[in-house]
Amino acid sequence: MGAWLLLTHGVAVMALPFASLPLPAGLLLAAGILLSLGWYWPRQVSRRAPGTIRTLTWGSDRACHLQLQGGGVSDATLCRQAFVQPWLVILQVTETGRRRRPLVILPDMLDGVTFRRLRVRLKMELGQTGAPG
């Protein structure tokens, strides 16, 4: 996950000189990109931000139980919108009384059998064909 985050933010910064922007605008965009990297790194890579999802336990139907990094727990519902591919799974969960939260799962985050079982269950229970919707 960290490599993808660095790659996408790095490419964005490296493309700025080719954007023909005035220097102050380019510097402002570069600062915004770096702030974005600083925002997402503790939430998506190191997972040390207090509200970060640490574990998700998917029960019956679409009911989920979340354990958060700060030690909290929360009940949630798995949304029908999911992106399911052999190389990436993006889930949307709605915590009770809160807004939707994305959960990005890459193949190297789980063992191969578990990742495959997750994809199969998502396709069967959510009716996913690989595209969001």
Protein backbone atom coordinates (compact mmCIF):
# COMPACT_ATOMS: atom_id res chain seq x y z
CA MET A 1 0.00 0.00 0.00
CA GLY A 2 2.82 2.37 0.84
CA ALA A 3 4.46 1.90 -2.54
CA TRP A 4 1.23 2.78 -4.37
CA LEU A 5 0.67 5.82 -2.20
CA LEU A 6 4.22 7.05 -2.79
CA LEU A 7 3.97 6.30 -6.51
CA THR A 8 0.70 8.18 -7.06
CA HIS A 9 1.74 11.20 -5.03
CA GLY A 10 5.25 11.19 -6.53
CA VAL A 11 3.93 11.09 -10.09
CA ALA A 12 1.60 13.99 -9.29
CA VAL A 13 4.48 16.09 -7.94
CA MET A 14 6.75 15.19 -10.87
CA ALA A 15 4.04 16.17 -13.38
CA LEU A 16 3.72 19.68 -11.95
CA PRO A 17 6.64 21.21 -13.89
CA PHE A 18 4.97 20.10 -17.14
CA ALA A 19 1.64 21.73 -16.19
CA SER A 20 2.75 25.24 -17.26
CA LEU A 21 1.51 26.75 -14.02
CA PRO A 22 2.84 29.92 -12.43
CA LEU A 23 5.42 29.15 -9.75
CA PRO A 24 3.18 30.08 -6.77
CA ALA A 25 0.35 27.86 -8.07
CA GLY A 26 2.76 24.96 -8.67
CA LEU A 27 4.20 25.29 -5.17
CA LEU A 28 0.71 25.44 -3.68
CA LEU A 29 -0.31 22.28 -5.56
CA ALA A 30 2.90 20.52 -4.50
CA ALA A 31 2.20 21.46 -0.87
CA GLY A 32 -1.34 20.11 -1.22
CA ILE A 33 -0.09 16.84 -2.65
CA LEU A 34 2.43 16.46 0.18
CA LEU A 35 -0.27 17.26 2.75
CA SER A 36 -2.40 14.55 1.15
CA LEU A 37 0.46 12.09 1.49
CA GLY A 38 0.85 13.10 5.14
CA TRP A 39 -2.88 12.63 5.72
CA TYR A 40 -3.21 9.20 4.10
CA TRP A 41 0.06 7.59 5.28
CA PRO A 42 -0.97 7.12 8.96
CA ARG A 43 -4.48 6.04 7.95
CA GLN A 44 -3.76 3.68 5.08
CA VAL A 45 -0.16 2.49 5.45
CA SER A 46 1.03 2.59 9.05
CA ARG A 47 -2.59 2.40 10.33
CA ARG A 48 -1.65 4.27 13.52
CA ALA A 49 -4.32 6.97 13.41
CA PRO A 50 -6.82 6.39 16.27
CA GLY A 51 -9.92 5.98 14.08
CA THR A 52 -8.31 3.66 11.54
CA ILE A 53 -10.00 0.31 10.95
CA ARG A 54 -7.72 -2.37 12.41
CA THR A 55 -9.86 -5.45 11.79
CA LEU A 56 -13.19 -6.11 10.13
CA THR A 57 -15.23 -9.17 11.02
CA TRP A 58 -17.98 -9.88 8.51
CA GLY A 59 -20.88 -11.72 10.08
CA SER A 60 -24.17 -12.77 8.54
CA ASP A 61 -25.76 -10.75 5.78
CA ARG A 62 -23.86 -7.44 5.56
CA ALA A 63 -23.37 -6.85 9.29
CA CYS A 64 -19.77 -6.13 10.30
CA HIS A 65 -17.87 -5.57 13.50
CA LEU A 66 -14.97 -3.11 13.35
CA GLN A 67 -12.07 -2.92 15.73
CA LEU A 68 -10.42 0.49 15.56
CA GLN A 69 -6.77 1.31 16.09
CA GLY A 70 -7.42 3.42 19.19
CA GLY A 71 -9.02 0.40 20.89
CA GLY A 72 -12.61 1.28 20.10
CA VAL A 73 -15.13 -1.05 18.53
CA SER A 74 -18.01 -0.25 16.24
CA ASP A 75 -20.83 -2.04 14.48
CA ALA A 76 -21.11 -1.36 10.78
CA THR A 77 -22.90 -2.42 7.63
CA LEU A 78 -21.09 -3.47 4.49
CA CYS A 79 -22.38 -1.36 1.61
CA ARG A 80 -23.37 -3.00 -1.66
CA GLN A 81 -20.85 -0.83 -3.49
CA ALA A 82 -17.55 -2.68 -3.68
CA PHE A 83 -14.73 -2.96 -6.18
CA VAL A 84 -13.61 -6.57 -6.48
CA GLN A 85 -10.68 -7.62 -8.66
CA PRO A 86 -7.91 -10.22 -8.26
CA TRP A 87 -5.43 -7.39 -7.56
CA LEU A 88 -7.57 -5.10 -5.38
CA VAL A 89 -10.71 -5.03 -3.20
CA ILE A 90 -12.25 -1.76 -2.04
CA LEU A 91 -15.09 -2.06 0.44
CA GLN A 92 -17.38 0.65 1.75
CA VAL A 93 -18.66 0.28 5.31
CA THR A 94 -21.15 2.47 7.11
CA GLU A 95 -20.71 2.69 10.85
CA THR A 96 -23.92 2.97 12.83
CA GLY A 97 -24.91 6.64 12.79
CA ARG A 98 -21.91 7.73 10.72
CA ARG A 99 -20.86 8.19 7.14
CA ARG A 100 -19.33 5.66 4.77
CA ARG A 101 -15.71 4.68 5.13
CA PRO A 102 -13.57 3.00 2.49
CA LEU A 103 -11.43 -0.02 3.26
CA VAL A 104 -8.73 -0.86 0.71
CA ILE A 105 -7.49 -4.48 0.73
CA LEU A 106 -4.51 -5.48 -1.39
CA PRO A 107 -3.59 -9.13 -2.09
CA ASP A 108 -0.50 -9.02 0.13
CA MET A 109 -2.55 -7.93 3.15
CA LEU A 110 -4.10 -11.42 3.47
CA ASP A 111 -2.92 -14.90 2.64
CA GLY A 112 -3.90 -16.03 -0.86
CA VAL A 113 -6.68 -18.40 0.18
CA THR A 114 -8.34 -15.84 2.46
CA PHE A 115 -8.14 -13.11 -0.19
CA ARG A 116 -9.71 -15.42 -2.76
CA ARG A 117 -12.48 -16.47 -0.35
CA LEU A 118 -13.21 -12.81 0.38
CA ARG A 119 -13.54 -12.01 -3.32
CA VAL A 120 -15.82 -15.00 -3.92
CA ARG A 121 -18.04 -14.16 -0.94
CA LEU A 122 -18.30 -10.52 -2.03
CA LYS A 123 -19.29 -11.53 -5.54
CA MET A 124 -21.87 -14.00 -4.30
CA GLU A 125 -23.42 -12.01 -1.47
CA LEU A 126 -23.22 -8.52 -2.96
CA GLY A 127 -23.74 -9.55 -6.56
CA GLN A 128 -20.51 -7.82 -7.63
CA THR A 129 -19.13 -8.17 -11.12
CA GLY A 130 -15.93 -6.24 -10.46
CA ALA A 131 -17.15 -2.70 -11.03
CA PRO A 132 -18.52 -0.34 -8.41
CA GLY A 133 -22.24 0.06 -8.35
